[in-house]
Amino acid sequence: MSGDMCGGAAGGGMRGEMGLLTGAPPDFVTVAGVRYAVHTTHRNWIRFDSLMSDPDCPAPDKLIGALRLCYVRRLPPDAAAALDAAVGFYLCGDERPARGGALGSAQRRAYSFAHDAKYIYAAFL
């Protein structure tokens, strides 16, 4: 994964910068030095979050589902590296949970797209 993952050339690449909000959004991740296009719609990433947070979904199903949600045309050959890059993209380069844990599984989550959808929607009105 590269440092330009979160901000792209136009965005500056540093977390917390306005470039992330005002510049061109990233549309790829870098795995083993190769760029792979990723889906960038919020709906895909809400589905990704729900899938990765589902305690009833078996790990192999999470892996397959997450990769299908994230990557546009082709997948990196290393599935573990592909998932790490997808999670890094989702977290915008912030620290990732320990390997083997679902997003938000180690701590109580501050929000849930499923339970808080109406509040999240209202925040944008």
N, C-alpha and C. Protein backbone atom coordinates (compact mmCIF):
# COMPACT_ATOMS: atom_id res chain seq x y z
N MET A 1 0.85 -1.17 0.00
CA MET A 1 0.00 0.00 0.00
C MET A 1 0.89 1.23 0.00
N SER A 2 0.46 2.25 -0.67
CA SER A 2 1.30 3.43 -0.77
C SER A 2 0.72 4.58 0.04
N GLY A 3 1.56 5.57 0.29
CA GLY A 3 1.13 6.74 1.05
C GLY A 3 0.16 7.62 0.31
N ASP A 4 0.06 7.47 -1.03
CA ASP A 4 -0.86 8.32 -1.77
C ASP A 4 -2.26 7.74 -1.82
N MET A 5 -2.47 6.64 -1.15
CA MET A 5 -3.76 5.95 -1.17
C MET A 5 -4.90 6.84 -0.71
N CYS A 6 -4.70 7.63 0.28
CA CYS A 6 -5.81 8.36 0.87
C CYS A 6 -6.06 9.72 0.23
N GLY A 7 -5.03 10.37 -0.24
CA GLY A 7 -5.25 11.70 -0.77
C GLY A 7 -5.04 11.83 -2.26
N GLY A 8 -4.38 10.86 -2.85
CA GLY A 8 -4.08 10.96 -4.28
C GLY A 8 -3.19 12.15 -4.54
N ALA A 9 -2.81 12.35 -5.77
CA ALA A 9 -1.91 13.45 -6.12
C ALA A 9 -2.55 14.80 -5.83
N ALA A 10 -3.85 14.91 -6.09
CA ALA A 10 -4.53 16.19 -5.88
C ALA A 10 -4.81 16.45 -4.41
N GLY A 11 -4.92 15.37 -3.62
CA GLY A 11 -5.35 15.54 -2.25
C GLY A 11 -4.25 15.72 -1.24
N GLY A 12 -3.01 15.49 -1.61
CA GLY A 12 -1.92 15.71 -0.68
C GLY A 12 -1.53 14.48 0.11
N GLY A 13 -2.46 13.56 0.35
CA GLY A 13 -2.14 12.30 0.97
C GLY A 13 -2.03 12.28 2.47
N MET A 14 -2.18 13.38 3.17
CA MET A 14 -2.06 13.37 4.62
C MET A 14 -3.43 13.38 5.26
N ARG A 15 -3.59 12.53 6.28
CA ARG A 15 -4.86 12.48 6.99
C ARG A 15 -5.14 13.82 7.65
N GLY A 16 -6.40 14.20 7.65
CA GLY A 16 -6.78 15.43 8.32
C GLY A 16 -6.68 16.66 7.46
N GLU A 17 -6.08 16.56 6.29
CA GLU A 17 -5.96 17.72 5.42
C GLU A 17 -7.28 17.99 4.71
N MET A 18 -7.53 19.24 4.40
CA MET A 18 -8.72 19.60 3.65
C MET A 18 -8.68 18.98 2.26
N GLY A 19 -7.50 18.65 1.74
CA GLY A 19 -7.38 18.05 0.41
C GLY A 19 -8.23 16.81 0.25
N LEU A 20 -8.38 16.05 1.30
CA LEU A 20 -9.21 14.86 1.25
C LEU A 20 -10.66 15.22 0.98
N LEU A 21 -11.11 16.34 1.50
CA LEU A 21 -12.49 16.77 1.32
C LEU A 21 -12.70 17.58 0.05
N THR A 22 -11.69 18.28 -0.39
CA THR A 22 -11.86 19.20 -1.51
C THR A 22 -11.18 18.74 -2.80
N GLY A 23 -10.24 17.83 -2.69
CA GLY A 23 -9.52 17.35 -3.87
C GLY A 23 -10.21 16.17 -4.52
N ALA A 24 -9.61 15.67 -5.57
CA ALA A 24 -10.15 14.49 -6.24
C ALA A 24 -10.02 13.29 -5.30
N PRO A 25 -11.09 12.53 -5.15
CA PRO A 25 -11.02 11.37 -4.25
C PRO A 25 -10.15 10.28 -4.85
N PRO A 26 -9.54 9.47 -4.01
CA PRO A 26 -8.74 8.36 -4.52
C PRO A 26 -9.66 7.33 -5.18
N ASP A 27 -9.12 6.61 -6.15
CA ASP A 27 -9.93 5.58 -6.81
C ASP A 27 -9.11 4.31 -7.04
N PHE A 28 -8.04 4.15 -6.27
CA PHE A 28 -7.20 2.96 -6.41
C PHE A 28 -6.48 2.68 -5.10
N VAL A 29 -5.98 1.47 -5.01
CA VAL A 29 -5.05 1.09 -3.95
C VAL A 29 -3.82 0.52 -4.64
N THR A 30 -2.72 0.50 -3.94
CA THR A 30 -1.50 -0.07 -4.48
C THR A 30 -1.15 -1.31 -3.68
N VAL A 31 -1.03 -2.43 -4.36
CA VAL A 31 -0.67 -3.70 -3.74
C VAL A 31 0.55 -4.23 -4.48
N ALA A 32 1.63 -4.46 -3.75
CA ALA A 32 2.88 -4.98 -4.33
C ALA A 32 3.33 -4.13 -5.52
N GLY A 33 3.17 -2.81 -5.39
CA GLY A 33 3.65 -1.90 -6.42
C GLY A 33 2.74 -1.74 -7.63
N VAL A 34 1.58 -2.40 -7.62
CA VAL A 34 0.65 -2.33 -8.75
C VAL A 34 -0.63 -1.63 -8.29
N ARG A 35 -1.12 -0.70 -9.10
CA ARG A 35 -2.38 0.00 -8.79
C ARG A 35 -3.57 -0.85 -9.22
N TYR A 36 -4.56 -0.91 -8.34
CA TYR A 36 -5.81 -1.61 -8.61
C TYR A 36 -6.96 -0.65 -8.37
N ALA A 37 -7.84 -0.54 -9.35
CA ALA A 37 -9.00 0.34 -9.23
C ALA A 37 -9.96 -0.22 -8.19
N VAL A 38 -10.53 0.68 -7.38
CA VAL A 38 -11.52 0.28 -6.38
C VAL A 38 -12.80 1.10 -6.59
N HIS A 39 -13.90 0.51 -6.15
CA HIS A 39 -15.16 1.23 -6.18
C HIS A 39 -15.10 2.36 -5.15
N THR A 40 -15.71 3.47 -5.46
CA THR A 40 -15.61 4.62 -4.56
C THR A 40 -16.96 5.13 -4.07
N THR A 41 -18.05 4.50 -4.44
CA THR A 41 -19.34 4.99 -3.97
C THR A 41 -19.53 4.65 -2.50
N HIS A 42 -20.19 5.54 -1.80
CA HIS A 42 -20.41 5.32 -0.37
C HIS A 42 -21.23 4.07 -0.12
N ARG A 43 -22.12 3.73 -1.03
CA ARG A 43 -22.95 2.54 -0.84
C ARG A 43 -22.10 1.27 -0.78
N ASN A 44 -21.10 1.16 -1.63
CA ASN A 44 -20.21 0.00 -1.59
C ASN A 44 -19.51 -0.10 -0.25
N TRP A 45 -19.06 1.04 0.26
CA TRP A 45 -18.27 1.01 1.49
C TRP A 45 -19.14 0.83 2.73
N ILE A 46 -20.40 1.24 2.65
CA ILE A 46 -21.33 0.93 3.75
C ILE A 46 -21.59 -0.58 3.76
N ARG A 47 -21.75 -1.17 2.59
CA ARG A 47 -21.92 -2.63 2.50
C ARG A 47 -20.67 -3.34 3.00
N PHE A 48 -19.50 -2.81 2.64
CA PHE A 48 -18.23 -3.37 3.11
C PHE A 48 -18.18 -3.35 4.64
N ASP A 49 -18.52 -2.21 5.22
CA ASP A 49 -18.51 -2.06 6.67
C ASP A 49 -19.46 -3.05 7.32
N SER A 50 -20.66 -3.17 6.78
CA SER A 50 -21.65 -4.10 7.34
C SER A 50 -21.16 -5.54 7.24
N LEU A 51 -20.60 -5.90 6.11
CA LEU A 51 -20.08 -7.25 5.92
C LEU A 51 -18.96 -7.55 6.91
N MET A 52 -18.00 -6.65 7.01
CA MET A 52 -16.85 -6.89 7.88
C MET A 52 -17.22 -6.87 9.36
N SER A 53 -18.32 -6.22 9.70
CA SER A 53 -18.75 -6.13 11.10
C SER A 53 -19.72 -7.23 11.49
N ASP A 54 -20.15 -8.05 10.55
CA ASP A 54 -21.15 -9.08 10.81
C ASP A 54 -20.51 -10.27 11.53
N PRO A 55 -20.84 -10.47 12.81
CA PRO A 55 -20.23 -11.57 13.55
C PRO A 55 -20.71 -12.95 13.08
N ASP A 56 -21.82 -13.00 12.37
CA ASP A 56 -22.36 -14.28 11.91
C ASP A 56 -21.84 -14.71 10.54
N CYS A 57 -21.10 -13.84 9.88
CA CYS A 57 -20.58 -14.15 8.55
C CYS A 57 -19.23 -14.84 8.69
N PRO A 58 -19.08 -16.04 8.14
CA PRO A 58 -17.80 -16.76 8.23
C PRO A 58 -16.68 -15.99 7.52
N ALA A 59 -15.48 -16.11 8.02
CA ALA A 59 -14.32 -15.38 7.48
C ALA A 59 -14.13 -15.60 5.97
N PRO A 60 -14.24 -16.82 5.46
CA PRO A 60 -14.06 -16.98 4.00
C PRO A 60 -15.11 -16.20 3.19
N ASP A 61 -16.34 -16.16 3.69
CA ASP A 61 -17.39 -15.40 3.01
C ASP A 61 -17.11 -13.90 3.08
N LYS A 62 -16.58 -13.44 4.21
CA LYS A 62 -16.21 -12.03 4.34
C LYS A 62 -15.15 -11.67 3.33
N LEU A 63 -14.13 -12.51 3.21
CA LEU A 63 -13.04 -12.24 2.29
C LEU A 63 -13.56 -12.13 0.85
N ILE A 64 -14.31 -13.11 0.42
CA ILE A 64 -14.83 -13.11 -0.95
C ILE A 64 -15.75 -11.92 -1.18
N GLY A 65 -16.67 -11.68 -0.25
CA GLY A 65 -17.60 -10.56 -0.38
C GLY A 65 -16.91 -9.21 -0.38
N ALA A 66 -15.93 -9.05 0.51
CA ALA A 66 -15.21 -7.77 0.60
C ALA A 66 -14.45 -7.49 -0.68
N LEU A 67 -13.79 -8.49 -1.21
CA LEU A 67 -13.01 -8.27 -2.44
C LEU A 67 -13.93 -7.95 -3.61
N ARG A 68 -15.07 -8.60 -3.68
CA ARG A 68 -16.03 -8.30 -4.75
C ARG A 68 -16.59 -6.89 -4.63
N LEU A 69 -16.81 -6.44 -3.41
CA LEU A 69 -17.33 -5.09 -3.20
C LEU A 69 -16.30 -4.01 -3.52
N CYS A 70 -15.04 -4.29 -3.25
CA CYS A 70 -14.01 -3.26 -3.33
C CYS A 70 -13.41 -3.06 -4.72
N TYR A 71 -13.04 -4.13 -5.36
CA TYR A 71 -12.24 -4.02 -6.58
C TYR A 71 -13.11 -3.96 -7.82
N VAL A 72 -12.70 -3.11 -8.77
CA VAL A 72 -13.50 -2.84 -9.96
C VAL A 72 -13.35 -3.93 -11.01
N ARG A 73 -12.17 -4.14 -11.52
CA ARG A 73 -11.98 -5.06 -12.65
C ARG A 73 -11.21 -6.31 -12.28
N ARG A 74 -10.08 -6.10 -11.67
CA ARG A 74 -9.20 -7.23 -11.38
C ARG A 74 -8.75 -7.17 -9.93
N LEU A 75 -8.45 -8.35 -9.41
CA LEU A 75 -8.02 -8.47 -8.02
C LEU A 75 -6.51 -8.68 -7.95
N PRO A 76 -5.90 -8.18 -6.89
CA PRO A 76 -4.49 -8.54 -6.67
C PRO A 76 -4.40 -10.06 -6.46
N PRO A 77 -3.30 -10.68 -6.88
CA PRO A 77 -3.18 -12.13 -6.73
C PRO A 77 -3.12 -12.60 -5.28
N ASP A 78 -2.64 -11.78 -4.38
CA ASP A 78 -2.54 -12.12 -2.96
C ASP A 78 -3.80 -11.62 -2.25
N ALA A 79 -4.71 -12.54 -1.90
CA ALA A 79 -5.99 -12.16 -1.31
C ALA A 79 -5.82 -11.43 0.03
N ALA A 80 -4.87 -11.87 0.84
CA ALA A 80 -4.64 -11.22 2.14
C ALA A 80 -4.17 -9.78 1.94
N ALA A 81 -3.25 -9.57 1.01
CA ALA A 81 -2.76 -8.22 0.72
C ALA A 81 -3.87 -7.36 0.12
N ALA A 82 -4.71 -7.98 -0.70
CA ALA A 82 -5.84 -7.27 -1.30
C ALA A 82 -6.81 -6.80 -0.23
N LEU A 83 -7.09 -7.67 0.75
CA LEU A 83 -7.99 -7.28 1.84
C LEU A 83 -7.35 -6.22 2.72
N ASP A 84 -6.06 -6.36 3.02
CA ASP A 84 -5.36 -5.33 3.81
C ASP A 84 -5.44 -3.97 3.12
N ALA A 85 -5.25 -3.96 1.81
CA ALA A 85 -5.32 -2.69 1.05
C ALA A 85 -6.72 -2.12 1.08
N ALA A 86 -7.73 -2.98 0.96
CA ALA A 86 -9.12 -2.51 0.99
C ALA A 86 -9.47 -1.93 2.36
N VAL A 87 -9.06 -2.60 3.42
CA VAL A 87 -9.32 -2.08 4.77
C VAL A 87 -8.56 -0.77 4.97
N GLY A 88 -7.32 -0.70 4.51
CA GLY A 88 -6.55 0.54 4.61
C GLY A 88 -7.22 1.68 3.86
N PHE A 89 -7.77 1.39 2.69
CA PHE A 89 -8.50 2.40 1.91
C PHE A 89 -9.73 2.85 2.69
N TYR A 90 -10.47 1.90 3.22
CA TYR A 90 -11.68 2.21 3.98
C TYR A 90 -11.35 3.08 5.19
N LEU A 91 -10.27 2.78 5.86
CA LEU A 91 -9.87 3.54 7.05
C LEU A 91 -9.02 4.76 6.71
N CYS A 92 -8.84 5.01 5.43
CA CYS A 92 -8.10 6.18 4.95
C CYS A 92 -6.69 6.23 5.50
N GLY A 93 -6.07 5.06 5.59
CA GLY A 93 -4.69 4.99 6.03
C GLY A 93 -4.50 4.93 7.54
N ASP A 94 -5.58 5.06 8.30
CA ASP A 94 -5.46 4.95 9.76
C ASP A 94 -5.10 3.52 10.14
N GLU A 95 -4.72 3.33 11.39
CA GLU A 95 -4.33 2.01 11.85
C GLU A 95 -5.49 1.04 11.71
N ARG A 96 -5.14 -0.17 11.29
CA ARG A 96 -6.14 -1.21 11.10
C ARG A 96 -6.27 -2.06 12.35
N PRO A 97 -7.42 -2.69 12.52
CA PRO A 97 -7.58 -3.61 13.65
C PRO A 97 -6.60 -4.77 13.53
N ALA A 98 -6.37 -5.45 14.64
CA ALA A 98 -5.48 -6.61 14.61
C ALA A 98 -6.01 -7.64 13.63
N ARG A 99 -5.10 -8.31 12.96
CA ARG A 99 -5.47 -9.31 11.96
C ARG A 99 -6.39 -10.35 12.59
N GLY A 100 -7.39 -10.73 11.86
CA GLY A 100 -8.33 -11.74 12.35
C GLY A 100 -9.56 -11.13 12.98
N GLY A 101 -9.51 -9.86 13.37
CA GLY A 101 -10.66 -9.21 13.97
C GLY A 101 -11.44 -8.44 12.93
N ALA A 102 -12.74 -8.41 13.10
CA ALA A 102 -13.58 -7.64 12.18
C ALA A 102 -13.45 -6.16 12.53
N LEU A 103 -13.78 -5.32 11.58
CA LEU A 103 -13.77 -3.89 11.86
C LEU A 103 -14.70 -3.62 13.02
N GLY A 104 -14.21 -2.98 14.04
CA GLY A 104 -15.06 -2.61 15.17
C GLY A 104 -15.32 -3.74 16.15
N SER A 105 -14.72 -4.91 15.97
CA SER A 105 -15.03 -6.03 16.85
C SER A 105 -14.30 -5.95 18.18
N ALA A 106 -13.15 -5.29 18.23
CA ALA A 106 -12.37 -5.24 19.46
C ALA A 106 -12.97 -4.28 20.49
N GLN A 107 -13.70 -3.29 20.02
CA GLN A 107 -14.29 -2.30 20.89
C GLN A 107 -15.74 -2.10 20.50
N ARG A 108 -16.48 -1.47 21.37
CA ARG A 108 -17.86 -1.13 21.03
C ARG A 108 -17.83 -0.04 19.96
N ARG A 109 -18.61 -0.22 18.92
CA ARG A 109 -18.63 0.73 17.81
C ARG A 109 -19.36 2.01 18.21
N ALA A 110 -18.87 3.11 17.71
CA ALA A 110 -19.48 4.41 17.99
C ALA A 110 -20.74 4.63 17.17
N TYR A 111 -20.87 3.92 16.05
CA TYR A 111 -22.03 4.08 15.17
C TYR A 111 -22.27 2.76 14.46
N SER A 112 -23.44 2.66 13.91
CA SER A 112 -23.80 1.52 13.07
C SER A 112 -24.61 2.07 11.91
N PHE A 113 -24.18 1.80 10.68
CA PHE A 113 -24.94 2.27 9.54
C PHE A 113 -26.35 1.69 9.58
N ALA A 114 -26.50 0.46 10.03
CA ALA A 114 -27.81 -0.18 10.08
C ALA A 114 -28.72 0.47 11.12
N HIS A 115 -28.20 0.74 12.29
CA HIS A 115 -29.03 1.28 13.38
C HIS A 115 -29.12 2.80 13.37
N ASP A 116 -28.13 3.46 12.84
CA ASP A 116 -28.08 4.92 12.88
C ASP A 116 -28.36 5.59 11.54
N ALA A 117 -28.86 4.84 10.57
CA ALA A 117 -29.05 5.36 9.21
C ALA A 117 -29.85 6.65 9.19
N LYS A 118 -30.94 6.72 9.93
CA LYS A 118 -31.78 7.93 9.88
C LYS A 118 -31.05 9.14 10.48
N TYR A 119 -30.20 8.92 11.47
CA TYR A 119 -29.44 10.03 12.06
C TYR A 119 -28.33 10.49 11.12
N ILE A 120 -27.68 9.54 10.48
CA ILE A 120 -26.63 9.87 9.53
C ILE A 120 -27.24 10.63 8.36
N TYR A 121 -28.35 10.17 7.86
CA TYR A 121 -29.04 10.85 6.75
C TYR A 121 -29.43 12.27 7.15
N ALA A 122 -29.99 12.42 8.34
CA ALA A 122 -30.44 13.74 8.81
C ALA A 122 -29.27 14.72 8.96
N ALA A 123 -28.09 14.21 9.26
CA ALA A 123 -26.92 15.07 9.44
C ALA A 123 -26.52 15.76 8.14
N PHE A 124 -26.92 15.19 7.00
CA PHE A 124 -26.57 15.77 5.72
C PHE A 124 -27.65 16.68 5.15
N LEU A 125 -28.77 16.77 5.81
CA LEU A 125 -29.87 17.62 5.31
C LEU A 125 -29.64 19.07 5.64
